[in-house]
Amino acid sequence: MTGTKRTRADSMRWLAEGTRIFFDALAAMPDERLDGPSALDGWSGKHLLAHVAANADALLNLAHWARTGEERPMYASREQRDADIEAGAVLPAAELRAWAVRASGTLAARLAELDEQQWSREVRSSRGQAIPASEVPWMRAREFMVHAVDLDAGVTFDDLPAGFLAALVDDISASRSGADGPTLILTATDHDGRWTIAGSDTPTVASSDAPIEVTGTVAGLAAYLSGRRAHGVTGPDGGPAPQLPGWL
């Protein structure tokens, strides 16, 4: 890990930037492009837009939970989440665009109303993890930034703020630690960051499970860790880095 602490102010700033980046990219896409494939395997542009819109509605549930103390999970179930995306993906493009704008604006307004006590209230992520409500802006910024790249409308990880990218590598490194696979040590060539992703087994110097060094720019590492196309990321001796399962 880099040791850099992400603040709520950082997340709110990146949320505002991510909102602009995503909707600017979306505005540049003609409706017919939304019917075609996105850069996210298996999803069209409409699937992606339906997900971004539905995610805002889901995070509104957490904003309500934080404000009132009334438990309101993000989604009724994983199956319902997926069904809502599939249903949204067949809507007319204009209706989808309007839903995304409306839901995003409503979420931003509800977050702006929270006070310090409400920001610290414990809620749960879609994976059931207990988190303070102050994590919600980060979760939304992450959706906007990463899915702006997935739209395949000209935005790349290199276009995203460097501070956001370092925080994203921090976040994914932590979430991937302890999963099946080797221990990875990631070093950024354009940033002072260095991250360790613990594998499923404790490595020893003499074992074949010794840590694998992965190197790239912070944008490349963020793309690599998130399961997207990554340029210039290399493993030992300049070879390919180990493949990782999908994320977000």
Protein backbone atom coordinates (compact mmCIF):
# COMPACT_ATOMS: atom_id res chain seq x y z
CA MET A 1 0.00 0.00 0.00
CA THR A 2 1.09 3.56 -0.54
CA GLY A 3 0.09 4.67 2.95
CA THR A 4 -1.87 7.60 1.51
CA LYS A 5 -5.14 8.07 3.36
CA ARG A 6 -8.14 8.82 1.18
CA THR A 7 -10.43 11.44 2.72
CA ARG A 8 -14.11 12.12 2.21
CA ALA A 9 -13.16 15.44 0.61
CA ASP A 10 -11.04 13.51 -1.90
CA SER A 11 -13.95 11.22 -2.69
CA MET A 12 -16.38 14.11 -3.11
CA ARG A 13 -13.95 15.86 -5.47
CA TRP A 14 -13.45 12.70 -7.52
CA LEU A 15 -17.20 12.14 -7.58
CA ALA A 16 -17.67 15.57 -9.15
CA GLU A 17 -14.85 14.93 -11.62
CA GLY A 18 -16.12 11.44 -12.44
CA THR A 19 -19.63 12.76 -13.05
CA ARG A 20 -18.27 15.24 -15.59
CA ILE A 21 -15.97 12.71 -17.27
CA PHE A 22 -18.68 10.07 -17.60
CA PHE A 23 -21.45 12.31 -18.88
CA ASP A 24 -19.11 14.14 -21.27
CA ALA A 25 -18.12 10.78 -22.75
CA LEU A 26 -21.75 9.69 -22.89
CA ALA A 27 -22.79 12.92 -24.63
CA ALA A 28 -20.24 12.24 -27.36
CA MET A 29 -21.79 8.83 -28.10
CA PRO A 30 -24.65 8.64 -30.62
CA ASP A 31 -27.61 6.54 -29.55
CA GLU A 32 -26.79 3.74 -31.98
CA ARG A 33 -23.39 3.27 -30.35
CA LEU A 34 -25.15 2.38 -27.10
CA ASP A 35 -26.71 -0.62 -28.84
CA GLY A 36 -23.27 -1.97 -29.68
CA PRO A 37 -20.75 -3.65 -27.39
CA SER A 38 -18.98 -1.69 -24.68
CA ALA A 39 -15.40 -2.36 -23.61
CA LEU A 40 -16.80 -4.52 -20.81
CA ASP A 41 -17.15 -8.11 -22.02
CA GLY A 42 -20.73 -9.23 -22.44
CA TRP A 43 -22.31 -5.80 -21.99
CA SER A 44 -23.62 -3.35 -24.53
CA GLY A 45 -23.44 0.39 -23.98
CA LYS A 46 -27.05 0.21 -22.82
CA HIS A 47 -26.20 -2.43 -20.23
CA LEU A 48 -23.44 -0.21 -18.94
CA LEU A 49 -25.66 2.87 -18.77
CA ALA A 50 -28.47 0.93 -17.09
CA HIS A 51 -25.97 -0.29 -14.49
CA VAL A 52 -24.66 3.22 -13.78
CA ALA A 53 -28.22 4.53 -13.40
CA ALA A 54 -29.34 1.61 -11.21
CA ASN A 55 -26.20 1.96 -9.09
CA ALA A 56 -27.20 5.54 -8.23
CA ASP A 57 -30.64 4.30 -7.14
CA ALA A 58 -28.96 1.60 -5.04
CA LEU A 59 -26.61 4.05 -3.35
CA LEU A 60 -29.64 6.26 -2.64
CA ASN A 61 -30.76 3.44 -0.36
CA LEU A 62 -27.53 3.79 1.61
CA ALA A 63 -27.93 7.58 1.75
CA HIS A 64 -31.41 7.05 3.20
CA TRP A 65 -30.01 4.54 5.71
CA ALA A 66 -27.32 7.02 6.74
CA ARG A 67 -29.79 9.89 7.11
CA THR A 68 -32.58 8.08 8.95
CA GLY A 69 -30.99 5.02 10.55
CA GLU A 70 -33.59 2.87 8.77
CA GLU A 71 -31.83 -0.12 7.23
CA ARG A 72 -32.20 -0.11 3.46
CA PRO A 73 -29.85 -2.46 1.53
CA MET A 74 -28.49 -1.46 -1.86
CA TYR A 75 -30.20 -4.32 -3.69
CA ALA A 76 -32.90 -6.83 -2.75
CA SER A 77 -30.62 -9.55 -4.15
CA ARG A 78 -27.87 -10.08 -6.67
CA GLU A 79 -30.43 -11.66 -8.98
CA GLN A 80 -32.67 -8.59 -8.77
CA ARG A 81 -29.69 -6.33 -9.51
CA ASP A 82 -28.88 -8.31 -12.65
CA ALA A 83 -32.54 -8.40 -13.73
CA ASP A 84 -32.83 -4.61 -13.36
CA ILE A 85 -29.78 -4.12 -15.59
CA GLU A 86 -31.20 -6.45 -18.24
CA ALA A 87 -34.56 -4.66 -18.13
CA GLY A 88 -32.87 -1.27 -18.39
CA ALA A 89 -30.77 -2.38 -21.34
CA VAL A 90 -33.86 -2.65 -23.58
CA LEU A 91 -35.15 0.86 -22.80
CA PRO A 92 -34.94 3.57 -25.49
CA ALA A 93 -31.63 5.42 -25.38
CA ALA A 94 -33.26 8.74 -24.48
CA GLU A 95 -35.05 7.16 -21.53
CA LEU A 96 -31.83 5.52 -20.33
CA ARG A 97 -29.89 8.77 -20.58
CA ALA A 98 -32.58 10.63 -18.64
CA TRP A 99 -32.65 7.95 -15.93
CA ALA A 100 -28.88 8.13 -15.48
CA VAL A 101 -28.89 11.93 -15.20
CA ARG A 102 -31.89 12.02 -12.86
CA ALA A 103 -30.65 9.27 -10.53
CA SER A 104 -27.14 10.72 -10.38
CA GLY A 105 -28.44 14.19 -9.57
CA THR A 106 -30.75 12.90 -6.86
CA LEU A 107 -27.94 10.93 -5.23
CA ALA A 108 -25.62 13.96 -5.25
CA ALA A 109 -28.34 16.07 -3.62
CA ARG A 110 -29.04 13.50 -0.88
CA LEU A 111 -25.34 13.10 -0.09
CA ALA A 112 -24.97 16.87 0.23
CA GLU A 113 -27.60 16.84 2.97
CA LEU A 114 -25.77 14.43 5.31
CA ASP A 115 -24.25 15.78 8.51
CA GLU A 116 -21.12 14.51 10.26
CA GLN A 117 -22.99 12.03 12.45
CA GLN A 118 -24.84 10.62 9.46
CA TRP A 119 -21.64 10.31 7.42
CA SER A 120 -20.20 8.10 10.17
CA ARG A 121 -23.28 5.83 10.39
CA GLU A 122 -22.55 2.22 9.48
CA VAL A 123 -24.24 0.84 6.36
CA ARG A 124 -23.49 -2.21 4.18
CA SER A 125 -22.06 -2.52 0.70
CA SER A 126 -23.65 -4.77 -1.92
CA ARG A 127 -21.24 -7.50 -0.79
CA GLY A 128 -22.47 -7.27 2.79
CA GLN A 129 -19.41 -5.45 4.11
CA ALA A 130 -20.02 -3.01 6.98
CA ILE A 131 -18.77 0.44 5.94
CA PRO A 132 -19.31 4.03 7.11
CA ALA A 133 -21.62 6.07 4.90
CA SER A 134 -18.62 8.27 4.07
CA GLU A 135 -17.54 5.48 1.67
CA VAL A 136 -20.56 6.08 -0.58
CA PRO A 137 -19.04 9.02 -2.54
CA TRP A 138 -15.93 6.91 -3.20
CA MET A 139 -18.07 4.00 -4.42
CA ARG A 140 -19.92 6.31 -6.81
CA ALA A 141 -16.76 8.05 -8.03
CA ARG A 142 -15.27 4.63 -8.75
CA GLU A 143 -18.32 3.64 -10.80
CA PHE A 144 -18.21 6.82 -12.87
CA MET A 145 -14.47 6.79 -13.53
CA VAL A 146 -14.04 3.12 -14.40
CA HIS A 147 -17.23 2.89 -16.45
CA ALA A 148 -16.33 6.06 -18.36
CA VAL A 149 -13.44 3.99 -19.71
CA ASP A 150 -15.78 1.03 -20.33
CA LEU A 151 -18.00 3.19 -22.54
CA ASP A 152 -15.18 2.98 -25.10
CA ALA A 153 -15.86 6.57 -26.16
CA GLY A 154 -12.28 7.82 -25.98
CA VAL A 155 -11.66 7.98 -22.22
CA THR A 156 -8.74 5.87 -20.98
CA PHE A 157 -7.27 5.28 -17.54
CA ASP A 158 -4.55 7.77 -18.49
CA ASP A 159 -7.27 10.47 -18.59
CA LEU A 160 -8.31 9.89 -14.97
CA PRO A 161 -6.88 11.95 -12.05
CA ALA A 162 -3.58 10.56 -10.72
CA GLY A 163 -4.73 10.77 -7.11
CA PHE A 164 -7.88 8.82 -7.93
CA LEU A 165 -5.85 6.16 -9.74
CA ALA A 166 -3.52 5.68 -6.76
CA ALA A 167 -6.53 5.40 -4.44
CA LEU A 168 -8.11 2.89 -6.81
CA VAL A 169 -4.97 0.74 -6.80
CA ASP A 170 -5.00 0.96 -2.98
CA ASP A 171 -8.63 -0.14 -2.91
CA ILE A 172 -8.38 -3.05 -5.35
CA SER A 173 -5.10 -4.27 -3.84
CA ALA A 174 -6.80 -4.51 -0.45
CA SER A 175 -9.89 -6.25 -1.85
CA ARG A 176 -7.83 -8.76 -3.85
CA SER A 177 -5.50 -9.65 -0.96
CA GLY A 178 -6.05 -13.12 0.41
CA ALA A 179 -7.67 -14.39 -2.79
CA ASP A 180 -6.46 -17.46 -4.65
CA GLY A 181 -3.29 -16.84 -6.59
CA PRO A 182 0.28 -15.70 -6.05
CA THR A 183 1.45 -12.80 -3.97
CA LEU A 184 2.04 -9.75 -6.17
CA ILE A 185 4.24 -6.73 -5.54
CA LEU A 186 3.25 -3.82 -7.76
CA THR A 187 5.49 -0.84 -8.44
CA ALA A 188 4.42 2.29 -10.30
CA THR A 189 6.96 3.81 -12.68
CA ASP A 190 5.44 7.30 -12.53
CA HIS A 191 4.35 7.42 -8.88
CA ASP A 192 5.95 6.64 -5.53
CA GLY A 193 3.40 3.92 -4.91
CA ARG A 194 4.28 0.32 -4.12
CA TRP A 195 1.58 -2.20 -3.27
CA THR A 196 1.50 -5.80 -2.06
CA ILE A 197 -1.38 -8.14 -2.82
CA ALA A 198 -1.14 -11.12 -0.52
CA GLY A 199 -1.83 -14.43 -2.23
CA SER A 200 -3.66 -17.38 -0.78
CA ASP A 201 -0.46 -18.92 0.59
CA THR A 202 2.37 -17.38 2.59
CA PRO A 203 5.37 -17.32 0.23
CA THR A 204 8.90 -18.29 1.14
CA VAL A 205 12.08 -17.17 -0.56
CA ALA A 206 12.86 -20.69 -1.70
CA SER A 207 9.36 -21.58 -2.92
CA SER A 208 7.81 -21.23 -6.36
CA ASP A 209 5.16 -19.08 -4.64
CA ALA A 210 7.61 -16.23 -4.08
CA PRO A 211 6.12 -12.77 -4.77
CA ILE A 212 5.76 -11.80 -8.42
CA GLU A 213 6.91 -8.30 -9.33
CA VAL A 214 4.51 -6.35 -11.56
CA THR A 215 5.47 -2.94 -12.94
CA GLY A 216 3.62 -0.22 -14.85
CA THR A 217 2.33 3.32 -14.69
CA VAL A 218 -0.28 3.98 -12.01
CA ALA A 219 -2.90 4.17 -14.80
CA GLY A 220 -1.70 0.86 -16.21
CA LEU A 221 -1.74 -0.79 -12.81
CA ALA A 222 -5.27 0.49 -12.14
CA ALA A 223 -6.43 -0.93 -15.47
CA TYR A 224 -4.66 -4.23 -14.82
CA LEU A 225 -6.04 -4.66 -11.31
CA SER A 226 -9.58 -3.82 -12.43
CA GLY A 227 -9.43 -6.47 -15.15
CA ARG A 228 -9.38 -3.99 -18.03
CA ARG A 229 -6.98 -3.71 -20.97
CA ALA A 230 -3.66 -2.56 -19.57
CA HIS A 231 -0.78 -1.19 -21.63
CA GLY A 232 2.82 -1.33 -20.50
CA VAL A 233 2.24 -3.50 -17.44
CA THR A 234 4.87 -6.21 -17.17
CA GLY A 235 5.74 -9.11 -14.93
CA PRO A 236 9.15 -10.56 -14.09
CA ASP A 237 11.90 -9.99 -16.67
CA GLY A 238 9.56 -7.86 -18.76
CA GLY A 239 7.19 -10.74 -19.44
CA PRO A 240 3.39 -10.66 -19.08
CA ALA A 241 1.83 -10.04 -15.69
CA PRO A 242 -0.37 -12.82 -14.23
CA GLN A 243 -3.99 -12.72 -15.36
CA LEU A 244 -6.51 -11.58 -12.78
CA PRO A 245 -10.26 -12.25 -12.51
CA GLY A 246 -12.73 -9.49 -13.26
CA TRP A 247 -13.56 -6.73 -10.82
CA LEU A 248 -16.43 -4.15 -10.63
